[in-house]
PDB file of N, CA and C in Angstrom:
ATOM      1  N   MET A   1      78.967 152.213 140.707  1.00  0.00           N
ATOM      2  CA  MET A   1      78.027 152.922 141.561  1.00  0.00           C
ATOM      3  C   MET A   1      77.570 154.192 140.846  1.00  0.00           C
ATOM      4  N   LEU A   2      76.303 154.501 140.971  1.00  0.00           N
ATOM      5  CA  LEU A   2      75.793 155.737 140.387  1.00  0.00           C
ATOM      6  C   LEU A   2      76.222 156.889 141.278  1.00  0.00           C
ATOM      7  N   THR A   3      77.067 157.740 140.768  1.00  0.00           N
ATOM      8  CA  THR A   3      77.666 158.750 141.630  1.00  0.00           C
ATOM      9  C   THR A   3      77.225 160.172 141.356  1.00  0.00           C
ATOM     10  N   LYS A   4      76.590 160.440 140.215  1.00  0.00           N
ATOM     11  CA  LYS A   4      76.244 161.829 139.936  1.00  0.00           C
ATOM     12  C   LYS A   4      75.020 161.911 139.044  1.00  0.00           C
ATOM     13  N   ILE A   5      74.377 163.046 139.112  1.00  0.00           N
ATOM     14  CA  ILE A   5      73.287 163.311 138.180  1.00  0.00           C
ATOM     15  C   ILE A   5      73.932 163.816 136.905  1.00  0.00           C
ATOM     16  N   THR A   6      73.719 163.141 135.827  1.00  0.00           N
ATOM     17  CA  THR A   6      74.378 163.566 134.599  1.00  0.00           C
ATOM     18  C   THR A   6      73.600 164.685 133.938  1.00  0.00           C
ATOM     19  N   SER A   7      74.337 165.602 133.361  1.00  0.00           N
ATOM     20  CA  SER A   7      73.684 166.723 132.688  1.00  0.00           C
ATOM     21  C   SER A   7      72.924 166.240 131.456  1.00  0.00           C
ATOM     22  N   ASP A   8      73.399 165.177 130.817  1.00  0.00           N
ATOM     23  CA  ASP A   8      72.690 164.642 129.655  1.00  0.00           C
ATOM     24  C   ASP A   8      71.293 164.167 130.023  1.00  0.00           C
ATOM     25  N   LEU A   9      71.173 163.536 131.168  1.00  0.00           N
ATOM     26  CA  LEU A   9      69.881 163.022 131.608  1.00  0.00           C
ATOM     27  C   LEU A   9      68.907 164.162 131.870  1.00  0.00           C
ATOM     28  N   VAL A  10      69.338 165.158 132.606  1.00  0.00           N
ATOM     29  CA  VAL A  10      68.477 166.303 132.894  1.00  0.00           C
ATOM     30  C   VAL A  10      68.154 167.046 131.599  1.00  0.00           C
ATOM     31  N   ASN A  11      69.136 167.200 130.732  1.00  0.00           N
ATOM     32  CA  ASN A  11      68.893 167.871 129.452  1.00  0.00           C
ATOM     33  C   ASN A  11      67.865 167.127 128.613  1.00  0.00           C
ATOM     34  N   ASN A  12      67.903 165.806 128.655  1.00  0.00           N
ATOM     35  CA  ASN A  12      66.932 164.998 127.935  1.00  0.00           C
ATOM     36  C   ASN A  12      65.510 165.297 128.416  1.00  0.00           C
ATOM     37  N   ILE A  13      65.335 165.355 129.722  1.00  0.00           N
ATOM     38  CA  ILE A  13      64.018 165.651 130.289  1.00  0.00           C
ATOM     39  C   ILE A  13      63.597 167.072 129.928  1.00  0.00           C
ATOM     40  N   VAL A  14      64.489 168.026 130.116  1.00  0.00           N
ATOM     41  CA  VAL A  14      64.169 169.432 129.853  1.00  0.00           C
ATOM     42  C   VAL A  14      63.856 169.650 128.372  1.00  0.00           C
ATOM     43  N   ASN A  15      64.602 169.022 127.486  1.00  0.00           N
ATOM     44  CA  ASN A  15      64.323 169.175 126.057  1.00  0.00           C
ATOM     45  C   ASN A  15      62.952 168.635 125.685  1.00  0.00           C
ATOM     46  N   THR A  16      62.559 167.524 126.290  1.00  0.00           N
ATOM     47  CA  THR A  16      61.213 166.995 126.068  1.00  0.00           C
ATOM     48  C   THR A  16      60.176 168.011 126.508  1.00  0.00           C
ATOM     49  N   LEU A  17      60.392 168.600 127.683  1.00  0.00           N
ATOM     50  CA  LEU A  17      59.446 169.593 128.195  1.00  0.00           C
ATOM     51  C   LEU A  17      59.412 170.830 127.303  1.00  0.00           C
ATOM     52  N   LYS A  18      60.565 171.310 126.899  1.00  0.00           N
ATOM     53  CA  LYS A  18      60.628 172.499 126.032  1.00  0.00           C
ATOM     54  C   LYS A  18      59.888 172.270 124.720  1.00  0.00           C
ATOM     55  N   ASN A  19      59.998 171.073 124.179  1.00  0.00           N
ATOM     56  CA  ASN A  19      59.338 170.758 122.911  1.00  0.00           C
ATOM     57  C   ASN A  19      57.829 170.630 123.053  1.00  0.00           C
ATOM     58  N   LYS A  20      57.349 170.343 124.235  1.00  0.00           N
ATOM     59  CA  LYS A  20      55.923 170.100 124.432  1.00  0.00           C
ATOM     60  C   LYS A  20      55.170 171.268 125.059  1.00  0.00           C
ATOM     61  N   VAL A  21      55.825 172.014 125.925  1.00  0.00           N
ATOM     62  CA  VAL A  21      55.143 173.078 126.672  1.00  0.00           C
ATOM     63  C   VAL A  21      55.385 174.411 125.973  1.00  0.00           C
ATOM     64  N   ASN A  22      54.294 175.010 125.482  1.00  0.00           N
ATOM     65  CA  ASN A  22      54.412 176.277 124.747  1.00  0.00           C
ATOM     66  C   ASN A  22      54.978 177.400 125.601  1.00  0.00           C
ATOM     67  N   ASP A  23      54.567 177.460 126.853  1.00  0.00           N
ATOM     68  CA  ASP A  23      55.004 178.549 127.738  1.00  0.00           C
ATOM     69  C   ASP A  23      56.059 178.055 128.733  1.00  0.00           C
ATOM     70  N   TYR A  24      57.026 177.284 128.232  1.00  0.00           N
ATOM     71  CA  TYR A  24      58.048 176.690 129.100  1.00  0.00           C
ATOM     72  C   TYR A  24      58.792 177.741 129.919  1.00  0.00           C
ATOM     73  N   ASP A  25      58.995 178.925 129.352  1.00  0.00           N
ATOM     74  CA  ASP A  25      59.717 179.988 130.068  1.00  0.00           C
ATOM     75  C   ASP A  25      59.088 180.297 131.420  1.00  0.00           C
ATOM     76  N   THR A  26      57.775 180.142 131.519  1.00  0.00           N
ATOM     77  CA  THR A  26      57.090 180.472 132.773  1.00  0.00           C
ATOM     78  C   THR A  26      57.289 179.413 133.854  1.00  0.00           C
ATOM     79  N   ILE A  27      57.716 178.218 133.477  1.00  0.00           N
ATOM     80  CA  ILE A  27      57.870 177.145 134.477  1.00  0.00           C
ATOM     81  C   ILE A  27      59.314 176.692 134.656  1.00  0.00           C
ATOM     82  N   GLN A  28      60.242 177.240 133.900  1.00  0.00           N
ATOM     83  CA  GLN A  28      61.609 176.715 133.909  1.00  0.00           C
ATOM     84  C   GLN A  28      62.315 176.832 135.254  1.00  0.00           C
ATOM     85  N   ASP A  29      61.855 177.720 136.137  1.00  0.00           N
ATOM     86  CA  ASP A  29      62.493 177.854 137.448  1.00  0.00           C
ATOM     87  C   ASP A  29      61.891 176.924 138.503  1.00  0.00           C
ATOM     88  N   LEU A  30      60.825 176.220 138.149  1.00  0.00           N
ATOM     89  CA  LEU A  30      60.219 175.263 139.078  1.00  0.00           C
ATOM     90  C   LEU A  30      61.102 174.023 139.189  1.00  0.00           C
ATOM     91  N   PRO A  31      60.955 173.263 140.289  1.00  0.00           N
ATOM     92  CA  PRO A  31      61.671 171.980 140.374  1.00  0.00           C
ATOM     93  C   PRO A  31      61.288 171.091 139.184  1.00  0.00           C
ATOM     94  N   LEU A  32      62.194 170.242 138.768  1.00  0.00           N
ATOM     95  CA  LEU A  32      61.975 169.403 137.597  1.00  0.00           C
ATOM     96  C   LEU A  32      60.675 168.601 137.695  1.00  0.00           C
ATOM     97  N   GLU A  33      60.381 168.087 138.876  1.00  0.00           N
ATOM     98  CA  GLU A  33      59.165 167.294 139.058  1.00  0.00           C
ATOM     99  C   GLU A  33      57.917 168.129 138.775  1.00  0.00           C
ATOM    100  N   GLU A  34      57.918 169.385 139.217  1.00  0.00           N
ATOM    101  CA  GLU A  34      56.770 170.268 138.981  1.00  0.00           C
ATOM    102  C   GLU A  34      56.647 170.625 137.503  1.00  0.00           C
ATOM    103  N   GLN A  35      57.775 170.771 136.829  1.00  0.00           N
ATOM    104  CA  GLN A  35      57.747 171.031 135.390  1.00  0.00           C
ATOM    105  C   GLN A  35      57.094 169.862 134.649  1.00  0.00           C
ATOM    106  N   ILE A  36      57.442 168.646 135.053  1.00  0.00           N
ATOM    107  CA  ILE A  36      56.873 167.457 134.411  1.00  0.00           C
ATOM    108  C   ILE A  36      55.371 167.396 134.665  1.00  0.00           C
ATOM    109  N   LYS A  37      54.951 167.642 135.899  1.00  0.00           N
ATOM    110  CA  LYS A  37      53.519 167.630 136.216  1.00  0.00           C
ATOM    111  C   LYS A  37      52.771 168.656 135.372  1.00  0.00           C
ATOM    112  N   TYR A  38      53.345 169.843 135.229  1.00  0.00           N
ATOM    113  CA  TYR A  38      52.727 170.897 134.426  1.00  0.00           C
ATOM    114  C   TYR A  38      52.592 170.439 132.973  1.00  0.00           C
ATOM    115  N   CYS A  39      53.634 169.840 132.456  1.00  0.00           N
ATOM    116  CA  CYS A  39      53.614 169.333 131.085  1.00  0.00           C
ATOM    117  C   CYS A  39      52.501 168.304 130.905  1.00  0.00           C
ATOM    118  N   LEU A  40      52.377 167.402 131.853  1.00  0.00           N
ATOM    119  CA  LEU A  40      51.359 166.358 131.760  1.00  0.00           C
ATOM    120  C   LEU A  40      49.946 166.934 131.816  1.00  0.00           C
ATOM    121  N   LYS A  41      49.762 168.016 132.570  1.00  0.00           N
ATOM    122  CA  LYS A  41      48.442 168.639 132.699  1.00  0.00           C
ATOM    123  C   LYS A  41      48.067 169.470 131.478  1.00  0.00           C
ATOM    124  N   THR A  42      49.049 170.084 130.839  1.00  0.00           N
ATOM    125  CA  THR A  42      48.741 171.074 129.805  1.00  0.00           C
ATOM    126  C   THR A  42      48.994 170.600 128.379  1.00  0.00           C
ATOM    127  N   THR A  43      49.609 169.451 128.205  1.00  0.00           N
ATOM    128  CA  THR A  43      49.900 168.960 126.858  1.00  0.00           C
ATOM    129  C   THR A  43      49.494 167.501 126.750  1.00  0.00           C
ATOM    130  N   HIS A  44      49.537 167.008 125.541  1.00  0.00           N
ATOM    131  CA  HIS A  44      49.273 165.584 125.330  1.00  0.00           C
ATOM    132  C   HIS A  44      50.562 164.899 124.900  1.00  0.00           C
ATOM    133  N   LEU A  45      50.984 163.930 125.680  1.00  0.00           N
ATOM    134  CA  LEU A  45      52.136 163.107 125.316  1.00  0.00           C
ATOM    135  C   LEU A  45      51.616 161.773 124.806  1.00  0.00           C
ATOM    136  N   ASN A  46      52.163 161.299 123.704  1.00  0.00           N
ATOM    137  CA  ASN A  46      51.763 159.960 123.276  1.00  0.00           C
ATOM    138  C   ASN A  46      52.425 158.940 124.211  1.00  0.00           C
ATOM    139  N   ASN A  47      52.044 157.692 124.077  1.00  0.00           N
ATOM    140  CA  ASN A  47      52.530 156.666 125.013  1.00  0.00           C
ATOM    141  C   ASN A  47      54.047 156.533 125.001  1.00  0.00           C
ATOM    142  N   ASP A  48      54.654 156.614 123.821  1.00  0.00           N
ATOM    143  CA  ASP A  48      56.112 156.492 123.735  1.00  0.00           C
ATOM    144  C   ASP A  48      56.810 157.664 124.416  1.00  0.00           C
ATOM    145  N   GLU A  49      56.289 158.875 124.211  1.00  0.00           N
ATOM    146  CA  GLU A  49      56.881 160.056 124.845  1.00  0.00           C
ATOM    147  C   GLU A  49      56.763 159.979 126.360  1.00  0.00           C
ATOM    148  N   LYS A  50      55.599 159.540 126.823  1.00  0.00           N
ATOM    149  CA  LYS A  50      55.391 159.436 128.268  1.00  0.00           C
ATOM    150  C   LYS A  50      56.307 158.369 128.871  1.00  0.00           C
ATOM    151  N   LEU A  51      56.421 157.240 128.199  1.00  0.00           N
ATOM    152  CA  LEU A  51      57.287 156.166 128.690  1.00  0.00           C
ATOM    153  C   LEU A  51      58.743 156.624 128.734  1.00  0.00           C
ATOM    154  N   ALA A  52      59.201 157.297 127.688  1.00  0.00           N
ATOM    155  CA  ALA A  52      60.580 157.799 127.662  1.00  0.00           C
ATOM    156  C   ALA A  52      60.814 158.807 128.785  1.00  0.00           C
ATOM    157  N   LEU A  53      59.835 159.668 129.023  1.00  0.00           N
ATOM    158  CA  LEU A  53      59.950 160.654 130.098  1.00  0.00           C
ATOM    159  C   LEU A  53      59.981 159.966 131.460  1.00  0.00           C
ATOM    160  N   MET A  54      59.169 158.928 131.629  1.00  0.00           N
ATOM    161  CA  MET A  54      59.154 158.193 132.893  1.00  0.00           C
ATOM    162  C   MET A  54      60.489 157.485 133.137  1.00  0.00           C
ATOM    163  N   ILE A  55      61.057 156.914 132.097  1.00  0.00           N
ATOM    164  CA  ILE A  55      62.335 156.216 132.249  1.00  0.00           C
ATOM    165  C   ILE A  55      63.443 157.203 132.596  1.00  0.00           C
ATOM    166  N   SER A  56      63.503 158.315 131.872  1.00  0.00           N
ATOM    167  CA  SER A  56      64.517 159.338 132.173  1.00  0.00           C
ATOM    168  C   SER A  56      64.354 159.864 133.585  1.00  0.00           C
ATOM    169  N   THR A  57      63.113 160.107 133.980  1.00  0.00           N
ATOM    170  CA  THR A  57      62.830 160.617 135.319  1.00  0.00           C
ATOM    171  C   THR A  57      63.233 159.596 136.379  1.00  0.00           C
ATOM    172  N   SER A  58      63.063 158.321 136.091  1.00  0.00           N
ATOM    173  CA  SER A  58      63.458 157.268 137.033  1.00  0.00           C
ATOM    174  C   SER A  58      64.958 157.274 137.270  1.00  0.00           C
ATOM    175  N   PHE A  59      65.725 157.368 136.201  1.00  0.00           N
ATOM    176  CA  PHE A  59      67.181 157.413 136.366  1.00  0.00           C
ATOM    177  C   PHE A  59      67.615 158.703 137.049  1.00  0.00           C
ATOM    178  N   TYR A  60      66.912 159.781 136.770  1.00  0.00           N
ATOM    179  CA  TYR A  60      67.178 161.048 137.467  1.00  0.00           C
ATOM    180  C   TYR A  60      66.974 160.853 138.974  1.00  0.00           C
ATOM    181  N   PHE A  61      65.868 160.217 139.357  1.00  0.00           N
ATOM    182  CA  PHE A  61      65.553 159.963 140.764  1.00  0.00           C
ATOM    183  C   PHE A  61      66.633 159.096 141.422  1.00  0.00           C
ATOM    184  N   ILE A  62      67.040 158.032 140.743  1.00  0.00           N
ATOM    185  CA  ILE A  62      68.054 157.130 141.300  1.00  0.00           C
ATOM    186  C   ILE A  62      69.364 157.880 141.523  1.00  0.00           C
ATOM    187  N   ASN A  63      69.748 158.682 140.548  1.00  0.00           N
ATOM    188  CA  ASN A  63      70.981 159.469 140.678  1.00  0.00           C
ATOM    189  C   ASN A  63      70.868 160.522 141.767  1.00  0.00           C
ATOM    190  N   LYS A  64      69.760 161.243 141.755  1.00  0.00           N
ATOM    191  CA  LYS A  64      69.560 162.337 142.708  1.00  0.00           C
ATOM    192  C   LYS A  64      69.653 161.835 144.146  1.00  0.00           C
ATOM    193  N   ASN A  65      69.123 160.658 144.387  1.00  0.00           N
ATOM    194  CA  ASN A  65      69.117 160.098 145.737  1.00  0.00           C
ATOM    195  C   ASN A  65      70.322 159.212 146.023  1.00  0.00           C
ATOM    196  N   LYS A  66      71.233 159.146 145.082  1.00  0.00           N
ATOM    197  CA  LYS A  66      72.501 158.423 145.242  1.00  0.00           C
ATOM    198  C   LYS A  66      72.306 156.971 145.674  1.00  0.00           C
ATOM    199  N   TYR A  67      71.286 156.328 145.101  1.00  0.00           N
ATOM    200  CA  TYR A  67      71.107 154.902 145.373  1.00  0.00           C
ATOM    201  C   TYR A  67      72.243 154.144 144.706  1.00  0.00           C
ATOM    202  N   ASN A  68      72.840 153.219 145.438  1.00  0.00           N
ATOM    203  CA  ASN A  68      73.901 152.416 144.842  1.00  0.00           C
ATOM    204  C   ASN A  68      73.485 150.964 144.683  1.00  0.00           C
ATOM    205  N   ASP A  69      72.208 150.706 144.921  1.00  0.00           N
ATOM    206  CA  ASP A  69      71.668 149.370 144.721  1.00  0.00           C
ATOM    207  C   ASP A  69      70.184 149.518 144.417  1.00  0.00           C
ATOM    208  N   PHE A  70      69.707 148.771 143.446  1.00  0.00           N
ATOM    209  CA  PHE A  70      68.286 148.833 143.100  1.00  0.00           C
ATOM    210  C   PHE A  70      67.549 147.811 143.958  1.00  0.00           C
ATOM    211  N   ASN A  71      67.543 148.068 145.270  1.00  0.00           N
ATOM    212  CA  ASN A  71      66.936 147.141 146.220  1.00  0.00           C
ATOM    213  C   ASN A  71      65.460 147.488 146.426  1.00  0.00           C
ATOM    214  N   GLU A  72      64.812 146.753 147.318  1.00  0.00           N
ATOM    215  CA  GLU A  72      63.381 146.940 147.543  1.00  0.00           C
ATOM    216  C   GLU A  72      63.061 148.358 148.003  1.00  0.00           C
ATOM    217  N   HIS A  73      63.888 148.920 148.859  1.00  0.00           N
ATOM    218  CA  HIS A  73      63.660 150.288 149.339  1.00  0.00           C
ATOM    219  C   HIS A  73      63.708 151.282 148.171  1.00  0.00           C
ATOM    220  N   CYS A  74      64.715 151.170 147.339  1.00  0.00           N
ATOM    221  CA  CYS A  74      64.848 152.054 146.179  1.00  0.00           C
ATOM    222  C   CYS A  74      63.639 151.896 145.256  1.00  0.00           C
ATOM    223  N   ILE A  75      63.249 150.662 144.978  1.00  0.00           N
ATOM    224  CA  ILE A  75      62.106 150.405 144.097  1.00  0.00           C
ATOM    225  C   ILE A  75      60.839 151.022 144.670  1.00  0.00           C
ATOM    226  N   ASN A  76      60.590 150.817 145.963  1.00  0.00           N
ATOM    227  CA  ASN A  76      59.386 151.378 146.583  1.00  0.00           C
ATOM    228  C   ASN A  76      59.382 152.898 146.525  1.00  0.00           C
ATOM    229  N   GLN A  77      60.519 153.512 146.806  1.00  0.00           N
ATOM    230  CA  GLN A  77      60.598 154.971 146.746  1.00  0.00           C
ATOM    231  C   GLN A  77      60.377 155.468 145.319  1.00  0.00           C
ATOM    232  N   LEU A  78      60.932 154.756 144.362  1.00  0.00           N
ATOM    233  CA  LEU A  78      60.758 155.133 142.961  1.00  0.00           C
ATOM    234  C   LEU A  78      59.299 155.013 142.538  1.00  0.00           C
ATOM    235  N   ILE A  79      58.620 153.973 142.980  1.00  0.00           N
ATOM    236  CA  ILE A  79      57.193 153.811 142.659  1.00  0.00           C
ATOM    237  C   ILE A  79      56.395 154.989 143.199  1.00  0.00           C
ATOM    238  N   TYR A  80      56.614 155.359 144.462  1.00  0.00           N
ATOM    239  CA  TYR A  80      55.902 156.507 145.040  1.00  0.00           C
ATOM    240  C   TYR A  80      56.205 157.786 144.273  1.00  0.00           C
ATOM    241  N   TYR A  81      57.467 157.964 143.914  1.00  0.00           N
ATOM    242  CA  TYR A  81      57.916 159.152 143.180  1.00  0.00           C
ATOM    243  C   TYR A  81      57.213 159.238 141.821  1.00  0.00           C
ATOM    244  N   LEU A  82      57.199 158.131 141.080  1.00  0.00           N
ATOM    245  CA  LEU A  82      56.574 158.126 139.755  1.00  0.00           C
ATOM    246  C   LEU A  82      55.066 158.317 139.838  1.00  0.00           C
ATOM    247  N   ILE A  83      54.430 157.679 140.811  1.00  0.00           N
ATOM    248  CA  ILE A  83      52.983 157.842 140.970  1.00  0.00           C
ATOM    249  C   ILE A  83      52.652 159.282 141.330  1.00  0.00           C
ATOM    250  N   ASP A  84      53.479 159.903 142.170  1.00  0.00           N
ATOM    251  CA  ASP A  84      53.261 161.302 142.535  1.00  0.00           C
ATOM    252  C   ASP A  84      53.312 162.202 141.304  1.00  0.00           C
ATOM    253  N   ILE A  85      54.234 161.939 140.407  1.00  0.00           N
ATOM    254  CA  ILE A  85      54.387 162.786 139.225  1.00  0.00           C
ATOM    255  C   ILE A  85      53.412 162.397 138.118  1.00  0.00           C
ATOM    256  N   PHE A  86      53.347 161.120 137.793  1.00  0.00           N
ATOM    257  CA  PHE A  86      52.621 160.673 136.607  1.00  0.00           C
ATOM    258  C   PHE A  86      51.224 160.139 136.904  1.00  0.00           C
ATOM    259  N   GLY A  87      50.895 159.942 138.168  1.00  0.00           N
ATOM    260  CA  GLY A  87      49.598 159.385 138.514  1.00  0.00           C
ATOM    261  C   GLY A  87      49.658 157.866 138.538  1.00  0.00           C
ATOM    262  N   THR A  88      48.604 157.265 139.039  1.00  0.00           N
ATOM    263  CA  THR A  88      48.553 155.818 139.158  1.00  0.00           C
ATOM    264  C   THR A  88      48.167 155.212 137.820  1.00  0.00           C
ATOM    265  N   ASN A  89      49.017 154.376 137.301  1.00  0.00           N
ATOM    266  CA  ASN A  89      48.685 153.611 136.100  1.00  0.00           C
ATOM    267  C   ASN A  89      49.644 152.439 135.971  1.00  0.00           C
ATOM    268  N   SER A  90      49.334 151.557 135.073  1.00  0.00           N
ATOM    269  CA  SER A  90      50.148 150.347 134.938  1.00  0.00           C
ATOM    270  C   SER A  90      51.528 150.638 134.359  1.00  0.00           C
ATOM    271  N   SER A  91      51.698 151.778 133.720  1.00  0.00           N
ATOM    272  CA  SER A  91      53.000 152.119 133.140  1.00  0.00           C
ATOM    273  C   SER A  91      54.089 152.191 134.198  1.00  0.00           C
ATOM    274  N   VAL A  92      53.731 152.587 135.417  1.00  0.00           N
ATOM    275  CA  VAL A  92      54.728 152.702 136.484  1.00  0.00           C
ATOM    276  C   VAL A  92      55.415 151.358 136.699  1.00  0.00           C
ATOM    277  N   HIS A  93      54.642 150.294 136.759  1.00  0.00           N
ATOM    278  CA  HIS A  93      55.239 148.978 136.992  1.00  0.00           C
ATOM    279  C   HIS A  93      56.033 148.502 135.774  1.00  0.00           C
ATOM    280  N   ASN A  94      55.593 148.872 134.578  1.00  0.00           N
ATOM    281  CA  ASN A  94      56.373 148.552 133.380  1.00  0.00           C
ATOM    282  C   ASN A  94      57.713 149.271 133.408  1.00  0.00           C
ATOM    283  N   VAL A  95      57.703 150.520 133.834  1.00  0.00           N
ATOM    284  CA  VAL A  95      58.940 151.299 133.920  1.00  0.00           C
ATOM    285  C   VAL A  95      59.885 150.675 134.942  1.00  0.00           C
ATOM    286  N   ILE A  96      59.361 150.267 136.086  1.00  0.00           N
ATOM    287  CA  ILE A  96      60.189 149.619 137.113  1.00  0.00           C
ATOM    288  C   ILE A  96      60.850 148.373 136.532  1.00  0.00           C
ATOM    289  N   ARG A  97      60.086 147.599 135.786  1.00  0.00           N
ATOM    290  CA  ARG A  97      60.628 146.384 135.176  1.00  0.00           C
ATOM    291  C   ARG A  97      61.738 146.731 134.167  1.00  0.00           C
ATOM    292  N   ILE A  98      61.516 147.761 133.363  1.00  0.00           N
ATOM    293  CA  ILE A  98      62.530 148.197 132.390  1.00  0.00           C
ATOM    294  C   ILE A  98      63.802 148.647 133.107  1.00  0.00           C
ATOM    295  N   ILE A  99      63.636 149.457 134.154  1.00  0.00           N
ATOM    296  CA  ILE A  99      64.790 149.966 134.903  1.00  0.00           C
ATOM    297  C   ILE A  99      65.557 148.801 135.525  1.00  0.00           C
ATOM    298  N   LYS A 100      64.816 147.896 136.151  1.00  0.00           N
ATOM    299  CA  LYS A 100      65.452 146.754 136.817  1.00  0.00           C
ATOM    300  C   LYS A 100      66.246 145.917 135.811  1.00  0.00           C
ATOM    301  N   ASN A 101      65.654 145.627 134.664  1.00  0.00           N
ATOM    302  CA  ASN A 101      66.345 144.830 133.647  1.00  0.00           C
ATOM    303  C   ASN A 101      67.545 145.565 133.071  1.00  0.00           C
ATOM    304  N   THR A 102      67.402 146.850 132.855  1.00  0.00           N
ATOM    305  CA  THR A 102      68.512 147.642 132.313  1.00  0.00           C
ATOM    306  C   THR A 102      69.679 147.656 133.284  1.00  0.00           C
ATOM    307  N   LEU A 103      69.390 147.926 134.550  1.00  0.00           N
ATOM    308  CA  LEU A 103      70.460 147.981 135.547  1.00  0.00           C
ATOM    309  C   LEU A 103      71.131 146.624 135.714  1.00  0.00           C
ATOM    310  N   LYS A 104      70.320 145.573 135.722  1.00  0.00           N
ATOM    311  CA  LYS A 104      70.871 144.231 135.902  1.00  0.00           C
ATOM    312  C   LYS A 104      71.718 143.827 134.694  1.00  0.00           C
ATOM    313  N   ASN A 105      71.198 144.060 133.503  1.00  0.00           N
ATOM    314  CA  ASN A 105      71.896 143.634 132.287  1.00  0.00           C
ATOM    315  C   ASN A 105      73.155 144.440 132.015  1.00  0.00           C
ATOM    316  N   GLU A 106      73.154 145.685 132.391  1.00  0.00           N
ATOM    317  CA  GLU A 106      74.288 146.554 132.069  1.00  0.00           C
ATOM    318  C   GLU A 106      75.241 146.759 133.246  1.00  0.00           C
ATOM    319  N   ASN A 107      74.914 146.193 134.414  1.00  0.00           N
ATOM    320  CA  ASN A 107      75.718 146.438 135.616  1.00  0.00           C
ATOM    321  C   ASN A 107      75.961 147.931 135.815  1.00  0.00           C
ATOM    322  N   LEU A 108      74.901 148.703 135.695  1.00  0.00           N
ATOM    323  CA  LEU A 108      75.064 150.153 135.703  1.00  0.00           C
ATOM    324  C   LEU A 108      75.445 150.716 137.057  1.00  0.00           C
ATOM    325  N   PHE A 109      75.315 149.928 138.103  1.00  0.00           N
ATOM    326  CA  PHE A 109      75.767 150.446 139.383  1.00  0.00           C
ATOM    327  C   PHE A 109      77.283 150.389 139.478  1.00  0.00           C
ATOM    328  N   GLU A 110      77.912 149.770 138.489  1.00  0.00           N
ATOM    329  CA  GLU A 110      79.368 149.751 138.440  1.00  0.00           C
ATOM    330  C   GLU A 110      79.895 150.662 137.340  1.00  0.00           C
ATOM    331  N   LYS A 111      78.979 151.259 136.570  1.00  0.00           N
ATOM    332  CA  LYS A 111      79.365 152.126 135.457  1.00  0.00           C
ATOM    333  C   LYS A 111      78.676 153.472 135.614  1.00  0.00           C
ATOM    334  N   ASP A 112      78.967 154.354 134.713  1.00  0.00           N
ATOM    335  CA  ASP A 112      78.308 155.650 134.686  1.00  0.00           C
ATOM    336  C   ASP A 112      76.961 155.507 133.993  1.00  0.00           C
ATOM    337  N   ILE A 113      75.988 156.239 134.439  1.00  0.00           N
ATOM    338  CA  ILE A 113      74.639 156.172 133.886  1.00  0.00           C
ATOM    339  C   ILE A 113      74.612 156.601 132.416  1.00  0.00           C
ATOM    340  N   ASN A 114      75.599 157.338 131.948  1.00  0.00           N
ATOM    341  CA  ASN A 114      75.632 157.787 130.553  1.00  0.00           C
ATOM    342  C   ASN A 114      75.595 156.635 129.558  1.00  0.00           C
ATOM    343  N   VAL A 115      75.892 155.440 130.007  1.00  0.00           N
ATOM    344  CA  VAL A 115      75.898 154.277 129.123  1.00  0.00           C
ATOM    345  C   VAL A 115      74.554 154.114 128.428  1.00  0.00           C
ATOM    346  N   ILE A 116      73.470 154.414 129.107  1.00  0.00           N
ATOM    347  CA  ILE A 116      72.157 154.148 128.523  1.00  0.00           C
ATOM    348  C   ILE A 116      71.529 155.348 127.856  1.00  0.00           C
ATOM    349  N   ILE A 117      72.154 156.486 127.932  1.00  0.00           N
ATOM    350  CA  ILE A 117      71.548 157.699 127.386  1.00  0.00           C
ATOM    351  C   ILE A 117      71.896 157.844 125.921  1.00  0.00           C
TER     352      ILE A 117
END
């Protein structure tokens, strides 16, 4: 079962933001979701960077909300969450597919999320 938000996961997201946002100091006290939105508005992320950020953010969301099953409710909430942050695009559904396959293949609801980081 996913039981905690790992510091490695949050650090991964924050390090991406720090590397991309020149004035990160001005946004570091905002909620993580707002920091990501700011980064997306003010910088250019290539497709790989954006995909990696979306995947990390997805696992952050799952942990934060203490989902212990990647069921339809969790998937729907995650889709709304990602669209709210990243906007509507086909990458959201690709990310959902990646998350679903990763969780299924690794039985991550029975292990710690650090396995994939």
